[in-house]
C-alpha atoms as a PDB file:
ATOM      1  CA  MET A   1       0.411   0.428   0.259  1.00  0.00           C
ATOM      2  CA  ASN A   2       1.067   3.700  -0.144  1.00  0.00           C
ATOM      3  CA  ASP A   3       1.640   5.773   1.921  1.00  0.00           C
ATOM      4  CA  SER A   4      -1.629   7.149   2.030  1.00  0.00           C
ATOM      5  CA  ASN A   5      -3.409   3.373   2.051  1.00  0.00           C
ATOM      6  CA  SER A   6      -5.582   4.518  -1.321  1.00  0.00           C
ATOM      7  CA  GLU A   7      -3.124   2.490  -3.791  1.00  0.00           C
ATOM      8  CA  ILE A   8      -2.013  -1.069  -3.915  1.00  0.00           C
ATOM      9  CA  VAL A   9       1.841  -0.419  -4.928  1.00  0.00           C
ATOM     10  CA  ILE A  10       4.122  -2.709  -6.028  1.00  0.00           C
ATOM     11  CA  ASP A  11       7.293  -3.300  -3.147  1.00  0.00           C
ATOM     12  CA  LYS A  12       9.252  -5.332  -4.522  1.00  0.00           C
ATOM     13  CA  VAL A  13       9.706  -8.073  -7.734  1.00  0.00           C
ATOM     14  CA  GLY A  14      11.782 -11.234  -7.457  1.00  0.00           C
ATOM     15  CA  GLU A  15      14.610 -12.363  -9.703  1.00  0.00           C
ATOM     16  CA  ILE A  16      13.938 -15.126 -12.515  1.00  0.00           C
ATOM     17  CA  GLY A  17      15.723 -18.620 -10.418  1.00  0.00           C
ATOM     18  CA  GLN A  18      14.514 -16.863  -6.627  1.00  0.00           C
ATOM     19  CA  LYS A  19      13.293 -19.882  -3.868  1.00  0.00           C
ATOM     20  CA  TYR A  20      10.014 -19.714  -2.401  1.00  0.00           C
ATOM     21  CA  ASP A  21      12.583 -19.430   0.783  1.00  0.00           C
ATOM     22  CA  ASP A  22      14.083 -16.371  -0.610  1.00  0.00           C
ATOM     23  CA  PHE A  23      10.423 -15.252  -0.711  1.00  0.00           C
ATOM     24  CA  VAL A  24       9.070 -16.414   2.769  1.00  0.00           C
ATOM     25  CA  ALA A  25      11.888 -14.419   3.959  1.00  0.00           C
ATOM     26  CA  CYS A  26      10.877 -11.120   2.416  1.00  0.00           C
ATOM     27  CA  LEU A  27       8.288 -10.476   4.200  1.00  0.00           C
ATOM     28  CA  PRO A  28       7.778  -8.140   7.204  1.00  0.00           C
ATOM     29  CA  GLU A  29       7.656  -9.474  10.455  1.00  0.00           C
ATOM     30  CA  ASN A  30       4.680  -7.257  11.145  1.00  0.00           C
ATOM     31  CA  ASP A  31       3.500  -5.708   8.523  1.00  0.00           C
ATOM     32  CA  CYS A  32       0.776  -6.800   5.854  1.00  0.00           C
ATOM     33  CA  ARG A  33       1.404  -7.678   2.288  1.00  0.00           C
ATOM     34  CA  TYR A  34      -0.069  -9.215  -0.939  1.00  0.00           C
ATOM     35  CA  ALA A  35       1.764 -11.390  -3.337  1.00  0.00           C
ATOM     36  CA  ALA A  36       1.914 -13.522  -7.000  1.00  0.00           C
ATOM     37  CA  VAL A  37       3.830 -16.252  -6.569  1.00  0.00           C
ATOM     38  CA  ASP A  38       5.248 -19.218  -9.386  1.00  0.00           C
ATOM     39  CA  ILE A  39       5.068 -21.457  -6.864  1.00  0.00           C
ATOM     40  CA  HIS A  40       7.982 -24.845  -8.071  1.00  0.00           C
ATOM     41  CA  PHE A  41       7.297 -27.803  -7.611  1.00  0.00           C
ATOM     42  CA  SER A  42       6.669 -32.263  -7.837  1.00  0.00           C
ATOM     43  CA  THR A  43       3.615 -33.453  -8.532  1.00  0.00           C
ATOM     44  CA  ASN A  44       3.005 -37.188  -6.531  1.00  0.00           C
ATOM     45  CA  ASP A  45       3.807 -38.636 -10.284  1.00  0.00           C
ATOM     46  CA  GLY A  46       7.258 -36.624 -10.331  1.00  0.00           C
ATOM     47  CA  ARG A  47       6.769 -34.919 -13.328  1.00  0.00           C
ATOM     48  CA  ASP A  48       7.964 -30.491 -12.447  1.00  0.00           C
ATOM     49  CA  THR A  49       5.648 -28.219 -12.932  1.00  0.00           C
ATOM     50  CA  SER A  50       4.280 -24.953 -11.006  1.00  0.00           C
ATOM     51  CA  LYS A  51       1.179 -22.831 -10.181  1.00  0.00           C
ATOM     52  CA  LEU A  52       0.833 -18.765 -10.165  1.00  0.00           C
ATOM     53  CA  VAL A  53      -0.824 -18.313  -6.678  1.00  0.00           C
ATOM     54  CA  PHE A  54      -1.710 -15.504  -5.045  1.00  0.00           C
ATOM     55  CA  VAL A  55      -0.839 -15.364  -1.005  1.00  0.00           C
ATOM     56  CA  THR A  56      -1.845 -12.760   1.573  1.00  0.00           C
ATOM     57  CA  TRP A  57       1.022 -12.551   4.389  1.00  0.00           C
ATOM     58  CA  ILE A  58      -1.953 -11.070   7.038  1.00  0.00           C
ATOM     59  CA  PRO A  59       0.143 -11.673  10.329  1.00  0.00           C
ATOM     60  CA  ASP A  60      -1.305 -11.579  13.905  1.00  0.00           C
ATOM     61  CA  SER A  61       1.530  -8.910  14.996  1.00  0.00           C
ATOM     62  CA  ALA A  62       0.368  -6.509  12.552  1.00  0.00           C
ATOM     63  CA  ARG A  63      -1.984  -3.501  13.315  1.00  0.00           C
ATOM     64  CA  VAL A  64      -5.401  -3.844  13.204  1.00  0.00           C
ATOM     65  CA  LYS A  65      -5.641  -1.069  10.776  1.00  0.00           C
ATOM     66  CA  ALA A  66      -3.438  -2.753   8.075  1.00  0.00           C
ATOM     67  CA  LYS A  67      -5.231  -6.255   9.201  1.00  0.00           C
ATOM     68  CA  MET A  68      -8.773  -4.920   8.661  1.00  0.00           C
ATOM     69  CA  LEU A  69      -7.597  -2.752   5.430  1.00  0.00           C
ATOM     70  CA  TYR A  70      -5.894  -6.632   3.345  1.00  0.00           C
ATOM     71  CA  ALA A  71      -8.143  -8.120   4.536  1.00  0.00           C
ATOM     72  CA  ALA A  72     -11.016  -5.905   2.610  1.00  0.00           C
ATOM     73  CA  SER A  73      -8.782  -5.229  -0.357  1.00  0.00           C
ATOM     74  CA  LYS A  74      -7.768  -8.688  -0.919  1.00  0.00           C
ATOM     75  CA  LYS A  75     -11.156 -10.149  -3.046  1.00  0.00           C
ATOM     76  CA  VAL A  76     -10.096  -7.139  -6.023  1.00  0.00           C
ATOM     77  CA  LEU A  77      -6.868  -7.473  -5.950  1.00  0.00           C
ATOM     78  CA  HIS A  78      -7.322 -10.745  -6.558  1.00  0.00           C
ATOM     79  CA  SER A  79      -9.630 -10.581  -9.495  1.00  0.00           C
ATOM     80  CA  GLU A  80      -7.802  -8.433 -11.381  1.00  0.00           C
ATOM     81  CA  LEU A  81      -4.607 -10.830 -11.639  1.00  0.00           C
ATOM     82  CA  THR A  82      -6.016 -12.794 -14.434  1.00  0.00           C
ATOM     83  CA  GLY A  83      -4.342 -16.247 -14.461  1.00  0.00           C
ATOM     84  CA  ILE A  84      -3.882 -16.388 -10.569  1.00  0.00           C
ATOM     85  CA  GLY A  85      -6.665 -19.190  -9.924  1.00  0.00           C
ATOM     86  CA  ILE A  86      -5.348 -20.341  -5.871  1.00  0.00           C
ATOM     87  CA  MET A  87      -5.366 -17.897  -3.601  1.00  0.00           C
ATOM     88  CA  ILE A  88      -4.263 -18.707   0.228  1.00  0.00           C
ATOM     89  CA  ASN A  89      -4.107 -16.470   3.089  1.00  0.00           C
ATOM     90  CA  CYS A  90      -0.366 -17.195   5.758  1.00  0.00           C
ATOM     91  CA  ASN A  91      -1.786 -15.470   9.402  1.00  0.00           C
ATOM     92  CA  ASP A  92       1.938 -16.921  10.948  1.00  0.00           C
ATOM     93  CA  TYR A  93       4.627 -18.333   9.233  1.00  0.00           C
ATOM     94  CA  SER A  94       3.699 -21.976   9.903  1.00  0.00           C
ATOM     95  CA  ASP A  95       0.992 -21.207   7.447  1.00  0.00           C
ATOM     96  CA  LEU A  96       4.115 -20.381   4.868  1.00  0.00           C
ATOM     97  CA  ASP A  97       5.591 -23.975   5.231  1.00  0.00           C
ATOM     98  CA  PHE A  98       5.980 -24.849   2.315  1.00  0.00           C
ATOM     99  CA  GLU A  99       5.579 -29.176   2.600  1.00  0.00           C
ATOM    100  CA  SER A 100       2.673 -28.674   5.581  1.00  0.00           C
ATOM    101  CA  CYS A 101       0.371 -26.249   4.391  1.00  0.00           C
ATOM    102  CA  ILE A 102       1.564 -24.232   0.462  1.00  0.00           C
ATOM    103  CA  LYS A 103       2.341 -27.760  -1.668  1.00  0.00           C
ATOM    104  CA  PRO A 104      -1.405 -28.810  -0.082  1.00  0.00           C
ATOM    105  CA  GLU A 105      -3.177 -26.618  -1.110  1.00  0.00           C
ATOM    106  CA  VAL A 106      -1.735 -26.583  -4.568  1.00  0.00           C
ATOM    107  CA  MET A 107      -1.896 -30.126  -5.228  1.00  0.00           C
ATOM    108  CA  LYS A 108      -5.208 -29.599  -4.618  1.00  0.00           C
ATOM    109  CA  PHE A 109      -5.275 -28.325  -9.004  1.00  0.00           C
ATOM    110  CA  VAL A 110      -2.681 -30.394 -10.442  1.00  0.00           C
END
């Protein structure tokens, strides 16, 4: 969000070749973020594939106003992101665990 909380702005663009853990490391501990993430994984039959995922990061430790603002505007933003059908809501770092949380959600769409 911009300083006046009136517009969603791009904060950071990941570079090609970055890993999922690099994305997680960029998330602020006490502030909210939206992200469009290209998740690379292997299917149960061994095929390498990827899916675009819309991640909302609204940590419990964020300010109440920020949490309300991000929660209220996420559906509008997601509807504008053509081609991203998967949305995952995360409220703490355990929600971002790839093997136990992210991959099982993405595998539902393979």
